[in-house]
Amino acid sequence: MPRKLIPAMIVPPGRSLKRALDARGWSQRTLAEIIGRPEQAISEIVNGKKRITAETALELGEAFGTSAEYWMNLERNYLLNLARQRFRPESIRRMLGEYARTDEAVRPSLRRRGARAVARSASAAPKTTARGRIASRSRIQPSDEEQRVESARKDTIPPARRSPRRRRR
């Protein structure tokens, strides 16, 4: 499998915009007037403080004779490369390793029970409702600890007071 190339230096899209302005001899004010945007917005993009939105990409593409996809790809690649710098795959690999060990412990028991037993246990699994709750005919009884906490809660909370309704005349 070919290795992915990772850039040594991440170039913000504002730098490409600055180069395009310099190549044409335009100032940021000139570009702002051409595309009908505030000069501050252009300055923020050039300085890397503001992102290139889809609307701005369309306007830049029209002004420079390029496609909007060019400007969107510059922004997307910049953000992706920034995320790659911060990304730490070790934590995900560690979690995958823990799940793999769990799967390995379960697999032999499935082989011993056979395919029919697995199918039966899958059909006997509790059904869930549309909201993800377990649908059961019998009510699940709370544990002793849960009952004790619930009764203590009921003892400490006073019953709600009802205010008398006023009749309109």
Protein backbone atom coordinates (compact mmCIF):
# COMPACT_ATOMS: atom_id res chain seq x y z
CA MET A 1 0.00 0.00 0.00
CA PRO A 2 1.49 3.39 -0.95
CA ARG A 3 2.35 5.73 1.88
CA LYS A 4 0.43 8.96 2.22
CA LEU A 5 2.50 12.06 1.80
CA ILE A 6 2.26 14.52 4.64
CA PRO A 7 3.42 18.08 3.99
CA ALA A 8 6.43 19.27 5.96
CA MET A 9 4.87 22.71 6.32
CA ILE A 10 1.18 23.49 6.46
CA VAL A 11 0.33 26.49 4.30
CA PRO A 12 -2.79 28.45 5.25
CA PRO A 13 -5.10 29.36 2.36
CA GLY A 14 -4.56 33.05 3.14
CA ARG A 15 -0.97 32.73 1.95
CA SER A 16 -2.21 31.48 -1.44
CA LEU A 17 -4.64 34.39 -1.55
CA LYS A 18 -1.81 36.83 -0.75
CA ARG A 19 0.31 35.35 -3.57
CA ALA A 20 -2.59 35.66 -6.02
CA LEU A 21 -3.07 39.30 -5.01
CA ASP A 22 0.65 40.03 -5.41
CA ALA A 23 0.76 38.31 -8.82
CA ARG A 24 -1.97 40.62 -10.10
CA GLY A 25 -0.70 43.71 -8.30
CA TRP A 26 -3.95 44.07 -6.35
CA SER A 27 -4.29 45.27 -2.79
CA GLN A 28 -6.65 43.72 -0.27
CA ARG A 29 -8.84 46.83 -0.64
CA THR A 30 -9.05 46.30 -4.42
CA LEU A 31 -10.13 42.68 -3.98
CA ALA A 32 -12.66 43.70 -1.33
CA GLU A 33 -14.20 46.20 -3.76
CA ILE A 34 -14.25 43.66 -6.60
CA ILE A 35 -16.05 40.94 -4.66
CA GLY A 36 -18.14 43.29 -2.52
CA ARG A 37 -16.76 42.21 0.83
CA PRO A 38 -15.40 44.33 3.66
CA GLU A 39 -11.65 44.89 3.54
CA GLN A 40 -11.40 43.52 7.08
CA ALA A 41 -12.79 40.14 5.94
CA ILE A 42 -10.11 39.86 3.24
CA SER A 43 -7.44 40.88 5.72
CA GLU A 44 -8.59 38.25 8.22
CA ILE A 45 -8.48 35.53 5.54
CA VAL A 46 -4.97 36.58 4.47
CA ASN A 47 -3.79 36.60 8.10
CA GLY A 48 -5.36 33.19 8.81
CA LYS A 49 -7.92 34.48 11.31
CA LYS A 50 -10.97 33.73 9.17
CA ARG A 51 -11.88 30.70 7.08
CA ILE A 52 -12.82 30.68 3.43
CA THR A 53 -16.53 29.91 3.25
CA ALA A 54 -18.32 28.46 0.24
CA GLU A 55 -19.72 31.88 -0.67
CA THR A 56 -16.28 33.49 -0.43
CA ALA A 57 -14.80 30.65 -2.50
CA LEU A 58 -17.32 31.36 -5.26
CA GLU A 59 -16.45 35.06 -5.21
CA LEU A 60 -12.67 34.42 -5.15
CA GLY A 61 -13.01 31.92 -8.00
CA GLU A 62 -14.86 34.46 -10.10
CA ALA A 63 -12.40 37.25 -9.29
CA PHE A 64 -9.25 35.21 -9.99
CA GLY A 65 -10.60 33.07 -12.84
CA THR A 66 -10.26 29.84 -10.86
CA SER A 67 -12.83 27.40 -9.58
CA ALA A 68 -14.53 27.69 -6.22
CA GLU A 69 -13.36 24.14 -5.54
CA TYR A 70 -9.75 25.33 -5.67
CA TRP A 71 -10.33 27.73 -2.77
CA MET A 72 -12.46 25.24 -0.82
CA ASN A 73 -9.81 22.54 -1.26
CA LEU A 74 -7.12 24.90 0.03
CA GLU A 75 -9.19 25.49 3.17
CA ARG A 76 -10.15 21.83 3.58
CA ASN A 77 -6.59 20.57 3.16
CA TYR A 78 -5.27 23.17 5.59
CA LEU A 79 -7.78 22.16 8.29
CA LEU A 80 -7.16 18.45 7.67
CA ASN A 81 -3.40 18.85 7.97
CA LEU A 82 -3.82 20.84 11.19
CA ALA A 83 -5.96 18.03 12.58
CA ARG A 84 -3.34 15.46 11.52
CA GLN A 85 -0.73 17.32 13.54
CA ARG A 86 -2.87 17.16 16.68
CA PHE A 87 -4.18 13.63 16.09
CA ARG A 88 -2.88 10.95 18.45
CA PRO A 89 -3.74 7.47 17.10
CA GLU A 90 -2.16 5.72 20.10
CA SER A 91 -5.26 6.15 22.26
CA ILE A 92 -7.49 4.66 19.56
CA ARG A 93 -5.09 1.77 19.00
CA ARG A 94 -5.02 1.09 22.73
CA MET A 95 -8.83 0.98 22.86
CA LEU A 96 -8.93 -1.24 19.77
CA GLY A 97 -6.50 -3.58 21.49
CA GLU A 98 -8.76 -3.81 24.53
CA TYR A 99 -11.78 -4.60 22.36
CA ALA A 100 -9.79 -7.17 20.39
CA ARG A 101 -8.89 -8.97 23.63
CA THR A 102 -12.56 -8.99 24.62
CA ASP A 103 -13.55 -10.41 21.23
CA GLU A 104 -10.91 -13.14 21.48
CA ALA A 105 -12.29 -14.21 24.87
CA VAL A 106 -15.83 -14.43 23.49
CA ARG A 107 -15.04 -16.22 20.22
CA PRO A 108 -14.07 -19.64 21.68
CA SER A 109 -17.28 -19.84 23.70
CA LEU A 110 -19.28 -19.14 20.56
CA ARG A 111 -17.46 -21.92 18.72
CA ARG A 112 -18.18 -24.40 21.53
CA ARG A 113 -21.88 -23.60 21.63
CA GLY A 114 -22.30 -23.92 17.89
CA ALA A 115 -24.26 -21.96 15.36
CA ARG A 116 -27.71 -23.09 16.58
CA ALA A 117 -27.09 -21.94 20.11
CA VAL A 118 -25.86 -18.60 18.85
CA ALA A 119 -28.97 -18.19 16.71
CA ARG A 120 -31.21 -19.12 19.65
CA SER A 121 -29.46 -16.70 21.98
CA ALA A 122 -29.77 -13.95 19.38
CA SER A 123 -33.51 -14.55 19.03
CA ALA A 124 -33.90 -14.62 22.81
CA ALA A 125 -32.18 -11.24 23.13
CA PRO A 126 -34.42 -8.53 24.56
CA LYS A 127 -36.35 -6.53 22.02
CA THR A 128 -35.94 -2.77 21.99
CA THR A 129 -38.49 -0.10 21.27
CA ALA A 130 -38.04 2.75 18.80
CA ARG A 131 -36.54 4.88 21.58
CA GLY A 132 -33.93 2.24 22.39
CA ARG A 133 -35.58 1.04 25.58
CA ILE A 134 -35.87 -2.65 26.33
CA ALA A 135 -39.41 -3.80 25.72
CA SER A 136 -40.40 -6.31 28.36
CA ARG A 137 -43.70 -7.65 29.63
CA SER A 138 -42.54 -7.87 33.22
CA ARG A 139 -41.40 -4.84 35.13
CA ILE A 140 -37.75 -4.94 36.16
CA GLN A 141 -37.49 -4.70 39.92
CA PRO A 142 -35.06 -2.11 41.28
CA SER A 143 -32.21 -3.29 43.46
CA ASP A 144 -32.26 -2.83 47.24
CA GLU A 145 -29.88 0.11 46.96
CA GLU A 146 -32.08 1.80 44.35
CA GLN A 147 -35.18 1.27 46.54
CA ARG A 148 -33.42 2.74 49.57
CA VAL A 149 -32.27 5.82 47.62
CA GLU A 150 -35.74 6.34 46.16
CA SER A 151 -37.47 6.12 49.54
CA ALA A 152 -34.95 8.56 51.06
CA ARG A 153 -35.60 10.96 48.19
CA LYS A 154 -39.35 10.77 48.71
CA ASP A 155 -38.93 11.49 52.42
CA THR A 156 -36.87 14.62 51.87
CA ILE A 157 -38.89 16.21 49.06
CA PRO A 158 -42.12 17.88 50.23
CA PRO A 159 -45.23 17.24 48.17
CA ALA A 160 -45.93 19.85 45.52
CA ARG A 161 -48.32 22.60 46.52
CA ARG A 162 -51.16 23.39 44.25
CA SER A 163 -52.36 26.91 43.97
CA PRO A 164 -56.10 27.35 43.71
CA ARG A 165 -57.34 28.12 40.23
CA ARG A 166 -58.81 31.52 39.69
CA ARG A 167 -61.94 31.78 37.68
CA ARG A 168 -62.16 34.38 34.99
CA ARG A 169 -65.19 36.58 35.00
